[in-house]
Amino acid sequence: MAGRASAQAALETRRSVLRAAAEIASLEGLDSVTIGRLADRLGMSKAGVIGQFRSKEKLQLETVELVLDDFRTRVWQPVRHLGAGLPRLSAVCAAWVRYAADPGYPGGCLLTQVTYDYDGRTGPVHDRIAEGRSRWRDTLGHDVDTAVAAGDLPAGTDTPQVVYGLESLAAGITPARLFHGDTRTEEWALRGMHAVLGLPLTG
């Protein structure tokens, strides 16, 4: 029992460190996350933090995994059971804009933040972000193609353009909200996504 409790405590500590890292990164970028800052924030020793991850790069990679897991849990998991194609795309859009408008991080959507931080770099962190984003693009593209095959979207629909349009609208939510104080970003983004998909506009 003691061993199990110890393992659970270690897991909870690891989650606390990663959550703190994600909150800092959302405001100041992933490079701003340091072992010292995390130790001070959590009341831990530097050795206690570094012992969880072994290196700053490992910490960054696991922070990215946390962000990707959060995205999957809040955007994909609630809609994955729906029929592929336009029904699921419509539900994805609603879940996606809700997440982007309130992702649970003080600096807004961290997936967008780390993308901008690393899109022009090379290395393992860049590669993991690119892999996660590519899988999401492939998922969206599959549903667009399914909608075309079902006759719900026009033949000749440019799938990559549709995916790009949906991504761009979601990515615009955080800067519009935080830079300009726009309070209708969720509504605007969803209307824009519906326009991209040729769905009736709401609101």
Protein backbone atom coordinates (compact mmCIF):
# COMPACT_ATOMS: atom_id res chain seq x y z
CA MET A 1 0.00 0.00 0.00
CA ALA A 2 2.83 2.39 0.87
CA GLY A 3 4.41 1.84 -2.54
CA ARG A 4 1.12 2.50 -4.31
CA ALA A 5 0.54 5.67 -2.29
CA SER A 6 4.07 6.84 -3.05
CA ALA A 7 3.59 6.23 -6.77
CA GLN A 8 0.28 8.12 -6.71
CA ALA A 9 1.89 11.04 -4.89
CA ALA A 10 4.68 11.16 -7.47
CA LEU A 11 2.12 11.17 -10.27
CA GLU A 12 0.18 14.00 -8.66
CA THR A 13 3.40 15.98 -8.22
CA ARG A 14 4.24 15.47 -11.88
CA ARG A 15 0.80 16.66 -12.93
CA SER A 16 1.12 19.74 -10.72
CA VAL A 17 4.48 20.61 -12.26
CA LEU A 18 3.13 20.19 -15.80
CA ARG A 19 0.04 22.23 -15.07
CA ALA A 20 2.17 25.05 -13.65
CA ALA A 21 4.45 24.84 -16.68
CA ALA A 22 1.46 25.12 -19.02
CA GLU A 23 0.08 28.15 -17.17
CA ILE A 24 3.43 29.96 -17.36
CA ALA A 25 3.87 29.01 -21.02
CA SER A 26 0.43 30.30 -21.94
CA LEU A 27 1.44 33.76 -20.77
CA GLU A 28 5.14 33.94 -21.63
CA GLY A 29 5.92 31.09 -24.02
CA LEU A 30 7.32 27.64 -23.48
CA ASP A 31 10.93 28.88 -23.32
CA SER A 32 10.06 30.93 -20.23
CA VAL A 33 9.39 27.76 -18.25
CA THR A 34 12.45 27.05 -16.11
CA ILE A 35 13.16 24.59 -13.35
CA GLY A 36 13.78 27.47 -10.94
CA ARG A 37 10.49 29.20 -11.68
CA LEU A 38 8.54 26.00 -11.27
CA ALA A 39 10.29 25.18 -8.01
CA ASP A 40 9.49 28.63 -6.61
CA ARG A 41 5.88 28.50 -7.80
CA LEU A 42 5.23 25.05 -6.32
CA GLY A 43 7.36 25.36 -3.18
CA MET A 44 9.64 22.54 -4.33
CA SER A 45 13.37 22.15 -4.60
CA LYS A 46 14.99 22.45 -8.02
CA ALA A 47 16.22 18.88 -7.61
CA GLY A 48 12.65 17.75 -6.95
CA VAL A 49 11.46 19.34 -10.21
CA ILE A 50 14.34 18.22 -12.41
CA GLY A 51 14.11 14.73 -10.95
CA GLN A 52 10.66 14.43 -12.50
CA PHE A 53 11.82 15.15 -16.04
CA ARG A 54 15.66 14.95 -16.27
CA SER A 55 15.94 17.90 -18.69
CA LYS A 56 14.21 21.10 -19.76
CA GLU A 57 13.46 19.60 -23.17
CA LYS A 58 11.74 16.62 -21.58
CA LEU A 59 9.69 19.02 -19.47
CA GLN A 60 8.73 20.98 -22.59
CA LEU A 61 7.75 17.81 -24.46
CA GLU A 62 5.54 16.60 -21.62
CA THR A 63 3.95 20.05 -21.36
CA VAL A 64 3.09 19.81 -25.06
CA GLU A 65 1.60 16.36 -24.41
CA LEU A 66 -0.55 17.83 -21.64
CA VAL A 67 -1.83 20.51 -24.00
CA LEU A 68 -2.57 18.00 -26.76
CA ASP A 69 -4.37 15.73 -24.28
CA ASP A 70 -6.47 18.66 -23.04
CA PHE A 71 -7.40 19.50 -26.62
CA ARG A 72 -8.38 15.93 -27.44
CA THR A 73 -10.40 15.60 -24.24
CA ARG A 74 -12.38 18.79 -24.73
CA VAL A 75 -12.70 18.98 -28.52
CA TRP A 76 -12.50 15.47 -29.95
CA GLN A 77 -13.73 13.10 -27.25
CA PRO A 78 -17.21 14.67 -26.91
CA VAL A 79 -17.91 14.33 -30.65
CA ARG A 80 -15.99 11.28 -31.82
CA HIS A 81 -19.05 9.05 -31.49
CA LEU A 82 -21.03 11.12 -34.00
CA GLY A 83 -21.38 10.13 -37.62
CA ALA A 84 -18.35 10.99 -39.74
CA GLY A 85 -18.82 13.87 -42.13
CA LEU A 86 -20.84 17.04 -41.75
CA PRO A 87 -22.68 16.07 -38.51
CA ARG A 88 -19.37 15.55 -36.71
CA LEU A 89 -17.74 18.57 -38.34
CA SER A 90 -20.54 20.79 -37.09
CA ALA A 91 -20.15 19.44 -33.55
CA VAL A 92 -16.36 19.75 -33.77
CA CYS A 93 -16.70 23.43 -34.64
CA ALA A 94 -18.88 24.10 -31.60
CA ALA A 95 -16.52 22.23 -29.25
CA TRP A 96 -13.45 23.83 -30.80
CA VAL A 97 -14.57 27.42 -30.39
CA ARG A 98 -15.68 26.74 -26.81
CA TYR A 99 -12.22 25.39 -26.06
CA ALA A 100 -10.41 28.24 -27.82
CA ALA A 101 -12.52 30.83 -26.01
CA ASP A 102 -11.91 29.25 -22.59
CA PRO A 103 -9.01 26.77 -22.75
CA GLY A 104 -8.31 26.83 -19.03
CA TYR A 105 -4.99 28.68 -19.30
CA PRO A 106 -4.56 32.33 -18.27
CA GLY A 107 -2.87 33.30 -21.55
CA GLY A 108 -5.44 31.68 -23.80
CA CYS A 109 -5.11 28.72 -26.14
CA LEU A 110 -1.73 27.17 -25.37
CA LEU A 111 -1.80 24.99 -28.47
CA THR A 112 -1.85 28.16 -30.57
CA GLN A 113 0.87 29.71 -28.39
CA VAL A 114 3.32 26.84 -28.71
CA THR A 115 2.61 26.61 -32.44
CA TYR A 116 3.67 30.21 -32.92
CA ASP A 117 6.68 29.68 -30.65
CA TYR A 118 8.01 26.69 -32.57
CA ASP A 119 6.72 26.82 -36.14
CA GLY A 120 10.02 28.20 -37.47
CA ARG A 121 12.33 26.01 -35.39
CA THR A 122 13.69 22.50 -35.58
CA GLY A 123 14.00 19.81 -32.95
CA PRO A 124 11.91 17.38 -30.92
CA VAL A 125 9.47 19.96 -29.50
CA HIS A 126 8.74 21.36 -32.96
CA ASP A 127 8.31 17.84 -34.32
CA ARG A 128 5.86 16.79 -31.60
CA ILE A 129 3.71 19.89 -32.07
CA ALA A 130 3.74 19.37 -35.84
CA GLU A 131 2.75 15.72 -35.41
CA GLY A 132 -0.16 16.58 -33.14
CA ARG A 133 -1.41 19.32 -35.46
CA SER A 134 -1.03 17.09 -38.52
CA ARG A 135 -3.11 14.35 -36.93
CA TRP A 136 -5.84 16.89 -36.18
CA ARG A 137 -5.72 18.18 -39.75
CA ASP A 138 -5.99 14.62 -41.04
CA THR A 139 -9.01 14.02 -38.79
CA LEU A 140 -10.75 17.13 -40.07
CA GLY A 141 -9.82 16.32 -43.65
CA HIS A 142 -11.30 12.84 -43.34
CA ASP A 143 -14.63 14.28 -42.21
CA VAL A 144 -14.60 16.86 -45.00
CA ASP A 145 -13.96 14.14 -47.58
CA THR A 146 -16.72 12.01 -46.03
CA ALA A 147 -19.13 14.95 -46.25
CA VAL A 148 -18.26 15.42 -49.92
CA ALA A 149 -18.78 11.72 -50.65
CA ALA A 150 -22.19 11.88 -48.91
CA GLY A 151 -23.25 14.89 -50.95
CA ASP A 152 -23.33 17.17 -47.89
CA LEU A 153 -20.52 19.30 -49.31
CA PRO A 154 -20.13 20.14 -53.01
CA ALA A 155 -18.10 17.91 -55.27
CA GLY A 156 -14.76 19.59 -55.89
CA THR A 157 -14.57 21.02 -52.37
CA ASP A 158 -10.95 21.94 -51.64
CA THR A 159 -10.41 19.92 -48.45
CA PRO A 160 -7.09 21.51 -47.40
CA GLN A 161 -8.62 24.97 -47.84
CA VAL A 162 -11.59 24.05 -45.66
CA VAL A 163 -9.29 22.71 -42.96
CA TYR A 164 -7.14 25.84 -43.19
CA GLY A 165 -10.20 28.05 -42.86
CA LEU A 166 -11.41 26.23 -39.73
CA GLU A 167 -7.96 26.37 -38.15
CA SER A 168 -7.54 30.06 -38.91
CA LEU A 169 -10.85 30.98 -37.34
CA ALA A 170 -10.08 29.03 -34.17
CA ALA A 171 -6.58 30.54 -33.94
CA GLY A 172 -7.98 34.06 -34.16
CA ILE A 173 -10.06 33.76 -31.01
CA THR A 174 -7.31 34.31 -28.43
CA PRO A 175 -5.71 37.45 -29.93
CA ALA A 176 -9.12 38.99 -30.62
CA ARG A 177 -10.19 38.37 -27.04
CA LEU A 178 -6.97 39.32 -25.25
CA PHE A 179 -5.61 42.09 -27.50
CA HIS A 180 -8.85 43.79 -28.46
CA GLY A 181 -11.26 42.79 -25.73
CA ASP A 182 -13.74 41.32 -28.20
CA THR A 183 -16.45 39.55 -26.25
CA ARG A 184 -18.20 37.85 -29.18
CA THR A 185 -15.24 35.87 -30.49
CA GLU A 186 -16.91 32.51 -29.91
CA GLU A 187 -20.01 33.59 -31.83
CA TRP A 188 -18.00 35.12 -34.68
CA ALA A 189 -15.70 32.14 -35.05
CA LEU A 190 -18.58 29.68 -35.09
CA ARG A 191 -20.45 31.72 -37.69
CA GLY A 192 -17.29 31.84 -39.78
CA MET A 193 -16.83 28.08 -39.52
CA HIS A 194 -20.43 27.53 -40.55
CA ALA A 195 -19.84 29.77 -43.56
CA VAL A 196 -16.74 27.76 -44.51
CA LEU A 197 -18.81 24.55 -44.34
CA GLY A 198 -21.83 26.05 -46.06
CA LEU A 199 -24.03 25.56 -43.01
CA PRO A 200 -26.84 27.96 -42.06
CA LEU A 201 -25.52 30.89 -40.08
CA THR A 202 -26.75 31.23 -36.50
CA GLY A 203 -27.05 34.18 -34.16
